[in-house]
């Protein structure tokens, strides 16, 4: 069951990549700043009353 789900996800990802690549011959990818993402993730808290995320920007 997990194998079938993994194959389905892989196929969907490949289809999405092919769709994105089809319009042009050049595909630019930005470098990700992992440290900034980690810092941003630490700033999010959960409201105890509602159980929803509070975001501090």
N, C-alpha and C. Protein backbone atom coordinates (compact mmCIF):
# COMPACT_ATOMS: atom_id res chain seq x y z
N UNK A 1 0.82 -1.18 0.00
CA UNK A 1 0.00 0.00 0.00
C UNK A 1 0.87 1.26 0.00
N UNK A 2 1.92 1.28 0.85
CA UNK A 2 2.81 2.44 0.89
C UNK A 2 3.61 2.55 -0.41
N UNK A 3 3.97 1.43 -0.96
CA UNK A 3 4.72 1.43 -2.22
C UNK A 3 3.90 2.05 -3.34
N UNK A 4 2.62 1.69 -3.40
CA UNK A 4 1.75 2.24 -4.44
C UNK A 4 1.58 3.75 -4.27
N UNK A 5 1.43 4.20 -3.03
CA UNK A 5 1.29 5.64 -2.76
C UNK A 5 2.57 6.37 -3.14
N UNK A 6 3.73 5.79 -2.84
CA UNK A 6 5.01 6.41 -3.18
C UNK A 6 5.17 6.49 -4.70
N UNK A 7 4.80 5.44 -5.42
CA UNK A 7 4.88 5.46 -6.87
C UNK A 7 3.94 6.51 -7.46
N UNK A 8 2.77 6.64 -6.88
CA UNK A 8 1.81 7.63 -7.34
C UNK A 8 2.34 9.05 -7.15
N UNK A 9 2.94 9.32 -5.98
CA UNK A 9 3.53 10.63 -5.72
C UNK A 9 4.67 10.92 -6.68
N UNK A 10 5.53 9.93 -6.90
CA UNK A 10 6.66 10.10 -7.81
C UNK A 10 6.16 10.42 -9.22
N UNK A 11 5.15 9.71 -9.68
CA UNK A 11 4.57 9.95 -10.99
C UNK A 11 3.98 11.36 -11.08
N UNK A 12 3.27 11.78 -10.02
CA UNK A 12 2.66 13.12 -10.01
C UNK A 12 3.73 14.20 -10.03
N UNK A 13 4.82 13.99 -9.30
CA UNK A 13 5.91 14.97 -9.30
C UNK A 13 6.55 15.06 -10.68
N UNK A 14 6.77 13.92 -11.31
CA UNK A 14 7.35 13.93 -12.66
C UNK A 14 6.43 14.64 -13.65
N UNK A 15 5.13 14.42 -13.54
CA UNK A 15 4.19 15.09 -14.43
C UNK A 15 4.22 16.60 -14.21
N UNK A 16 4.30 17.02 -12.96
CA UNK A 16 4.34 18.45 -12.64
C UNK A 16 5.62 19.09 -13.17
N UNK A 17 6.74 18.42 -13.01
CA UNK A 17 8.02 18.93 -13.54
C UNK A 17 7.94 19.05 -15.05
N UNK A 18 7.42 18.05 -15.72
CA UNK A 18 7.29 18.11 -17.17
C UNK A 18 6.39 19.26 -17.61
N UNK A 19 5.31 19.50 -16.86
CA UNK A 19 4.41 20.60 -17.19
C UNK A 19 5.12 21.94 -17.03
N UNK A 20 5.92 22.08 -15.96
CA UNK A 20 6.63 23.33 -15.72
C UNK A 20 7.74 23.57 -16.75
N UNK A 21 8.37 22.52 -17.21
CA UNK A 21 9.48 22.64 -18.16
C UNK A 21 9.02 22.84 -19.59
N UNK A 22 7.80 22.47 -19.92
CA UNK A 22 7.35 22.49 -21.31
C UNK A 22 7.33 23.88 -21.96
N UNK A 23 6.98 24.98 -21.28
CA UNK A 23 6.88 26.26 -21.97
C UNK A 23 8.21 26.84 -22.47
N UNK A 24 9.32 26.52 -21.84
CA UNK A 24 10.57 27.15 -22.26
C UNK A 24 11.74 26.20 -22.23
N UNK A 25 12.90 26.75 -22.60
CA UNK A 25 14.11 25.94 -22.61
C UNK A 25 15.05 26.29 -21.46
N UNK A 26 14.65 27.24 -20.62
CA UNK A 26 15.50 27.66 -19.51
C UNK A 26 14.69 27.64 -18.22
N UNK A 27 15.23 27.04 -17.20
CA UNK A 27 14.53 26.90 -15.92
C UNK A 27 15.47 27.35 -14.82
N UNK A 28 15.17 28.47 -14.15
CA UNK A 28 16.06 29.05 -13.14
C UNK A 28 15.53 28.67 -11.76
N UNK A 29 16.43 28.17 -10.92
CA UNK A 29 16.08 27.76 -9.57
C UNK A 29 16.85 28.65 -8.59
N UNK A 30 16.15 29.20 -7.60
CA UNK A 30 16.79 30.04 -6.61
C UNK A 30 17.46 29.19 -5.54
N UNK A 31 18.56 29.70 -5.01
CA UNK A 31 19.24 29.05 -3.90
C UNK A 31 18.42 29.29 -2.63
N UNK A 32 18.19 28.24 -1.85
CA UNK A 32 17.40 28.38 -0.63
C UNK A 32 18.31 28.63 0.56
N UNK A 33 17.86 29.51 1.46
CA UNK A 33 18.59 29.83 2.68
C UNK A 33 17.98 29.00 3.82
N UNK A 34 18.59 27.86 4.11
CA UNK A 34 18.05 26.92 5.11
C UNK A 34 18.04 27.54 6.51
N UNK A 35 19.07 28.29 6.86
CA UNK A 35 19.13 28.92 8.19
C UNK A 35 17.94 29.86 8.39
N UNK A 36 17.59 30.64 7.38
CA UNK A 36 16.46 31.56 7.48
C UNK A 36 15.15 30.80 7.63
N UNK A 37 15.02 29.69 6.93
CA UNK A 37 13.81 28.87 7.05
C UNK A 37 13.68 28.28 8.45
N UNK A 38 14.80 27.84 9.02
CA UNK A 38 14.78 27.29 10.37
C UNK A 38 14.39 28.36 11.38
N UNK A 39 14.93 29.57 11.21
CA UNK A 39 14.61 30.66 12.12
C UNK A 39 13.14 31.01 12.03
N UNK A 40 12.62 31.06 10.82
CA UNK A 40 11.22 31.39 10.62
C UNK A 40 10.31 30.33 11.23
N UNK A 41 10.70 29.07 11.15
CA UNK A 41 9.90 27.98 11.70
C UNK A 41 9.84 28.06 13.22
N UNK A 42 10.90 28.52 13.84
CA UNK A 42 10.92 28.63 15.30
C UNK A 42 10.02 29.74 15.80
N UNK A 43 9.73 30.74 14.96
CA UNK A 43 8.92 31.88 15.38
C UNK A 43 7.43 31.56 15.43
N UNK A 44 7.00 30.49 14.82
CA UNK A 44 5.59 30.13 14.82
C UNK A 44 5.25 29.41 16.13
N UNK A 45 4.15 29.82 16.74
CA UNK A 45 3.71 29.20 17.99
C UNK A 45 2.26 28.75 17.82
N UNK A 46 1.81 27.91 18.73
CA UNK A 46 0.44 27.41 18.69
C UNK A 46 -0.36 28.07 19.81
N UNK A 47 -1.50 28.61 19.46
CA UNK A 47 -2.39 29.22 20.44
C UNK A 47 -3.02 28.10 21.25
N UNK A 48 -2.90 28.18 22.57
CA UNK A 48 -3.42 27.11 23.44
C UNK A 48 -4.94 27.05 23.43
N UNK A 49 -5.61 28.19 23.26
CA UNK A 49 -7.07 28.21 23.28
C UNK A 49 -7.68 27.64 22.01
N UNK A 50 -7.15 28.06 20.87
CA UNK A 50 -7.76 27.65 19.60
C UNK A 50 -7.05 26.48 18.95
N UNK A 51 -5.78 26.26 19.28
CA UNK A 51 -5.01 25.19 18.67
C UNK A 51 -4.47 25.56 17.30
N UNK A 52 -4.62 26.84 16.92
CA UNK A 52 -4.14 27.29 15.61
C UNK A 52 -2.76 27.93 15.76
N UNK A 53 -2.06 28.05 14.63
CA UNK A 53 -0.73 28.64 14.63
C UNK A 53 -0.81 30.16 14.73
N UNK A 54 0.07 30.74 15.54
CA UNK A 54 0.27 32.18 15.58
C UNK A 54 1.59 32.46 14.87
N UNK A 55 1.57 33.34 13.90
CA UNK A 55 2.78 33.66 13.15
C UNK A 55 3.28 35.03 13.59
N UNK A 56 4.54 35.10 13.92
CA UNK A 56 5.17 36.39 14.25
C UNK A 56 6.04 36.77 13.08
N UNK A 57 5.73 37.90 12.47
CA UNK A 57 6.51 38.34 11.30
C UNK A 57 7.40 39.49 11.66
